[in-house]
Protein backbone atom coordinates (compact mmCIF):
# COMPACT_ATOMS: atom_id res chain seq x y z
CA MET A 1 -186.35 62.81 -78.82
CA LYS A 2 -183.44 63.72 -77.06
CA PRO A 3 -180.41 61.87 -78.56
CA HIS A 4 -178.66 58.96 -77.22
CA GLY A 5 -175.51 57.59 -77.29
CA THR A 6 -172.09 59.20 -77.69
CA GLN A 7 -171.25 62.47 -79.70
CA LEU A 8 -167.62 61.22 -81.34
CA SER A 9 -166.27 64.17 -83.30
CA LEU A 10 -166.78 66.49 -86.83
CA PHE A 11 -165.58 64.95 -89.85
CA GLU A 12 -164.17 67.07 -92.69
CA THR A 13 -165.18 65.74 -95.90
CA ARG A 14 -164.15 65.79 -99.92
CA SER A 15 -167.82 65.60 -100.28
CA LEU A 16 -170.15 67.32 -97.70
CA SER A 17 -169.63 71.13 -98.59
CA ASP A 18 -170.19 71.17 -94.71
CA PRO A 19 -168.31 68.75 -91.15
CA PHE A 20 -170.68 66.29 -90.01
CA ALA A 21 -171.47 65.01 -86.69
CA VAL A 22 -171.22 61.43 -86.25
CA ARG A 23 -173.04 60.35 -82.79
CA VAL A 24 -172.93 56.95 -81.83
CA SER A 25 -175.80 54.78 -80.93
CA PRO A 26 -176.47 51.43 -78.74
CA ARG A 27 -179.93 51.31 -80.25
CA ALA A 28 -179.30 52.16 -83.67
CA ARG A 29 -179.43 49.34 -86.15
CA ARG A 30 -178.16 50.84 -89.15
CA LEU A 31 -175.87 54.22 -90.23
CA THR A 32 -178.56 57.12 -91.16
CA ALA A 33 -178.22 60.77 -91.56
CA ARG A 34 -180.02 63.39 -90.23
CA VAL A 35 -180.22 66.66 -91.32
CA HIS A 36 -182.01 69.62 -88.40
CA VAL A 37 -183.45 72.81 -88.69
CA GLY A 38 -180.68 74.82 -90.04
CA GLY A 39 -178.78 72.66 -91.82
CA ARG A 40 -176.23 70.70 -89.29
CA VAL A 41 -175.77 67.02 -90.15
CA GLU A 42 -175.80 64.34 -88.17
CA ILE A 43 -174.43 60.90 -89.26
CA VAL A 44 -176.14 58.01 -86.43
CA VAL A 45 -173.53 54.67 -86.01
CA PRO A 46 -174.13 51.79 -84.48
CA VAL A 47 -171.75 49.99 -82.03
CA GLY A 48 -168.96 48.71 -84.15
CA VAL A 49 -169.18 50.52 -87.29
CA ASN A 50 -165.71 52.09 -88.55
CA ALA A 51 -164.81 55.40 -89.70
CA HIS A 52 -164.68 54.07 -93.41
CA ALA A 53 -167.86 52.54 -93.17
CA VAL A 54 -169.16 56.10 -92.16
CA ARG A 55 -167.14 57.93 -94.93
CA ASP A 56 -168.34 55.43 -97.89
CA PHE A 57 -171.98 56.00 -96.26
CA VAL A 58 -171.98 59.60 -96.45
CA GLN A 59 -170.25 59.71 -99.89
CA ARG A 60 -172.94 57.51 -101.46
CA PHE A 61 -175.56 59.75 -100.14
CA THR A 62 -174.14 63.19 -99.98
CA PRO A 63 -176.35 64.24 -102.99
CA TRP A 64 -179.36 63.67 -100.93
CA ILE A 65 -177.60 64.69 -97.91
CA ASP A 66 -176.68 68.15 -99.65
CA ARG A 67 -180.15 68.67 -100.59
CA LYS A 68 -181.63 68.34 -97.75
CA VAL A 69 -179.30 70.57 -96.30
CA ALA A 70 -180.11 72.99 -98.94
CA ALA A 71 -183.75 72.41 -98.14
CA MET A 72 -183.54 73.24 -93.88
CA ARG A 73 -181.77 75.23 -94.27
CA CYS A 74 -184.18 77.78 -96.16
CA PHE A 75 -186.68 77.04 -93.82
CA VAL A 76 -185.01 78.82 -90.89
CA ALA A 77 -186.21 82.95 -91.18
CA PRO A 78 -185.20 84.99 -88.36
CA ALA A 79 -186.86 84.40 -85.30
CA GLU A 80 -189.08 87.18 -83.18
CA PRO A 81 -188.02 87.24 -79.82
CA VAL A 82 -191.93 87.00 -79.45
CA PRO A 83 -194.42 86.60 -82.25
CA PRO A 84 -197.54 89.14 -82.95
CA SER A 85 -199.88 85.79 -83.80
CA ILE A 86 -199.79 81.95 -83.59
CA ALA A 87 -201.90 80.07 -86.12
CA PHE A 88 -202.60 76.37 -85.82
CA ALA A 89 -202.99 75.42 -89.13
CA PHE A 90 -204.63 71.96 -87.89
CA THR A 91 -207.62 73.42 -86.06
CA GLY A 92 -207.80 76.85 -87.62
CA GLU A 93 -207.37 79.29 -84.45
CA GLN A 94 -205.72 82.29 -84.09
CA LEU A 95 -204.25 83.55 -81.04
CA ALA A 96 -202.63 87.59 -80.48
CA VAL A 97 -200.06 87.34 -78.43
CA GLU A 98 -199.35 90.69 -75.78
CA TRP A 99 -196.05 90.07 -74.05
CA ARG A 100 -195.33 92.08 -70.76
CA ARG A 101 -191.95 92.91 -69.53
CA GLY A 102 -191.93 92.56 -66.13
CA PRO A 103 -189.94 90.17 -62.98
CA SER A 104 -192.33 87.41 -63.14
CA ARG A 105 -193.30 84.20 -65.64
CA ARG A 106 -196.65 83.94 -66.44
CA LEU A 107 -199.03 82.87 -69.47
CA GLU A 108 -202.44 83.16 -69.65
CA ARG A 109 -204.98 82.40 -72.35
CA HIS A 110 -208.19 85.04 -72.97
CA ALA A 111 -210.74 84.16 -75.68
CA ASP A 112 -208.02 84.28 -78.87
CA ARG A 113 -205.22 86.18 -77.71
CA LEU A 114 -202.38 85.00 -75.21
CA VAL A 115 -200.98 87.07 -72.48
CA LEU A 116 -197.47 86.27 -70.99
CA GLN A 117 -195.37 88.20 -68.96
CA ALA A 118 -191.60 87.57 -68.79
CA PRO A 119 -188.52 89.48 -68.02
CA ASP A 120 -186.65 88.80 -71.36
CA ASP A 121 -186.71 87.29 -74.70
CA SER A 122 -185.79 84.15 -73.70
CA ALA A 123 -187.56 83.66 -70.80
CA ALA A 124 -190.95 84.85 -72.95
CA ARG A 125 -189.74 82.00 -76.00
CA MET A 126 -189.57 79.11 -73.20
CA LEU A 127 -193.21 80.12 -71.99
CA LEU A 128 -194.68 80.10 -75.23
CA GLN A 129 -192.93 76.55 -76.41
CA SER A 130 -193.86 74.74 -72.53
CA TRP A 131 -197.96 76.30 -73.63
CA LEU A 132 -196.96 74.94 -77.36
CA LYS A 133 -196.46 71.55 -76.07
CA ALA A 134 -199.59 71.11 -73.33
CA ALA A 135 -201.66 72.92 -76.33
CA ALA A 136 -200.59 70.15 -78.87
CA GLU A 137 -201.64 67.70 -76.59
CA GLU A 138 -204.74 68.78 -76.16
CA ARG A 139 -205.15 68.79 -79.97
CA LEU A 140 -202.95 66.15 -81.14
CA ALA A 141 -203.51 63.23 -78.54
CA PRO A 142 -207.55 62.77 -78.47
CA ARG A 143 -207.17 63.04 -82.31
CA LEU A 144 -204.98 60.11 -82.92
CA LEU A 145 -206.56 58.17 -80.35
CA GLU A 146 -210.13 58.79 -82.16
CA LEU A 147 -208.66 57.23 -85.52
CA ALA A 148 -206.81 54.61 -83.98
CA ASP A 149 -210.35 53.65 -82.66
CA GLU A 150 -211.76 53.94 -85.95
CA LEU A 151 -209.39 51.88 -87.51
CA LYS A 152 -209.27 49.24 -84.57
CA TYR A 153 -205.95 50.05 -83.98
CA SER A 154 -204.13 49.83 -80.38
CA VAL A 155 -202.06 52.61 -78.97
CA ALA A 156 -201.00 52.05 -75.30
CA ARG A 157 -199.41 55.42 -74.54
CA VAL A 158 -199.43 58.84 -76.66
CA ARG A 159 -196.26 61.51 -76.18
CA ILE A 160 -195.99 64.96 -77.27
CA ARG A 161 -192.27 65.62 -78.15
CA CYS A 162 -190.80 68.86 -79.19
CA GLN A 163 -188.05 67.30 -81.91
CA ARG A 164 -186.51 68.90 -84.59
CA THR A 165 -186.02 66.39 -86.93
CA ARG A 166 -189.06 64.02 -86.66
CA TRP A 167 -192.82 64.51 -86.69
CA GLY A 168 -193.59 60.91 -85.02
CA SER A 169 -192.56 57.68 -84.06
CA CYS A 170 -193.92 54.59 -82.93
CA SER A 171 -192.31 52.31 -80.30
CA THR A 172 -192.10 48.31 -79.83
CA ARG A 173 -194.50 48.93 -76.69
CA GLY A 174 -197.29 50.69 -78.72
CA THR A 175 -196.45 53.99 -77.49
CA VAL A 176 -196.54 56.93 -80.71
CA SER A 177 -194.60 60.22 -79.97
CA LEU A 178 -195.59 63.35 -81.71
CA ASN A 179 -194.07 66.38 -82.42
CA CYS A 180 -195.96 69.51 -81.14
CA SER A 181 -194.92 71.28 -84.42
CA LEU A 182 -197.80 68.78 -86.54
CA VAL A 183 -200.25 71.43 -85.39
CA PHE A 184 -198.67 74.06 -87.80
CA LEU A 185 -199.64 71.55 -90.57
CA ARG A 186 -202.93 71.12 -92.22
CA PRO A 187 -204.93 68.50 -91.04
CA GLU A 188 -205.23 66.39 -93.89
CA VAL A 189 -201.34 66.22 -93.62
CA VAL A 190 -201.49 65.63 -89.73
CA ARG A 191 -203.76 62.52 -90.19
CA TYR A 192 -201.43 60.85 -93.20
CA LEU A 193 -198.89 61.07 -90.34
CA PHE A 194 -201.21 59.80 -87.74
CA ILE A 195 -201.62 57.20 -90.38
CA HIS A 196 -198.37 56.10 -90.69
CA GLU A 197 -197.31 56.18 -86.94
CA LEU A 198 -200.30 53.53 -86.68
CA ALA A 199 -199.24 51.01 -89.08
CA HIS A 200 -195.92 51.09 -87.47
CA THR A 201 -197.90 49.04 -84.85
CA LYS A 202 -198.56 46.51 -87.30
CA HIS A 203 -195.13 46.91 -89.19
CA MET A 204 -192.14 48.67 -86.82
CA ASN A 205 -190.43 49.15 -90.50
CA HIS A 206 -190.86 50.49 -94.11
CA SER A 207 -191.16 47.41 -95.96
CA ALA A 208 -193.52 46.91 -98.60
CA SER A 209 -195.89 45.60 -96.39
CA PHE A 210 -195.48 48.79 -94.42
CA TRP A 211 -196.75 51.14 -97.72
CA ARG A 212 -199.43 48.95 -98.64
CA LEU A 213 -200.67 49.13 -95.32
CA VAL A 214 -200.16 53.19 -95.50
CA GLU A 215 -201.70 53.04 -99.17
CA LYS A 216 -205.22 51.25 -98.35
CA ILE A 217 -205.51 53.45 -95.34
CA GLU A 218 -204.54 56.60 -97.18
CA PRO A 219 -204.32 55.93 -101.54
CA ASP A 220 -203.00 59.42 -101.48
CA TYR A 221 -200.05 59.49 -99.10
CA ARG A 222 -197.23 59.59 -101.80
CA ARG A 223 -198.67 63.41 -102.17
CA LEU A 224 -199.57 64.13 -98.50
CA ASP A 225 -195.56 62.55 -97.54
CA ARG A 226 -194.52 65.11 -99.43
CA GLU A 227 -196.08 67.92 -98.12
CA LEU A 228 -194.92 66.74 -94.72
CA LEU A 229 -191.18 66.80 -95.36
CA ALA A 230 -191.74 70.37 -96.61
CA GLY A 231 -193.92 71.48 -94.00
CA TRP A 232 -190.98 72.32 -91.61
CA ARG A 233 -191.46 75.61 -93.51
CA THR A 234 -194.73 76.59 -91.93
CA VAL A 235 -192.62 75.67 -88.13
CA PRO A 236 -192.02 79.28 -86.73
CA ALA A 237 -188.36 79.78 -85.82
CA TRP A 238 -189.50 80.46 -82.20
CA VAL A 239 -190.74 77.02 -81.33
CA PHE A 240 -186.99 76.19 -81.99
CA LYS A 241 -185.22 79.00 -80.87
CA ASN A 242 -183.33 78.65 -77.06
């Protein structure tokens, strides 16, 4: 999801080791800390909340934020211009990648390999990122809808996004958004994420009722949730590289 609202500033604080960005969002209902891949910290603030309240919030959640920053920094590896291969744990697919430098831009799939032509590193990555989004939609959307049908849950629409901080979300209108990077995770973990978002069609929160519903469908959700949280480790650096 692209950020909404107004980017205010970077705050220096004694509690965190690095400055953090503050973004005021008219859609936010409460103060939220987001730690992006690479360790960048963003505090999302509802309209009308003052700087003192933001600092108090950060102070209280500093231990959690610092742990998440350390983890997200560890997930980032040096990006290759173009990877030699791509593996989807979700489907078990393994594709070799062949990059040919040239003035035009195109990508073709031939059996178990991708052949792309692009003039430079950036253009090649953009081709791969565009292909990844389409490939993720082909693999993820049908499986989510199958599970929704099996559980008799209603989904109005499935959207595929390439996000840095969220694996999925569900809107009040029944639109489920999925991160294209889910294809790099094991099918059991992806299924748990599907269940998590489908449960939001009944409970638009993380209340006790929500978690009871999740547990009813997937009793092992706690272990899978931990694996999902660590799942950024499996996402190749080229997915986020501009």
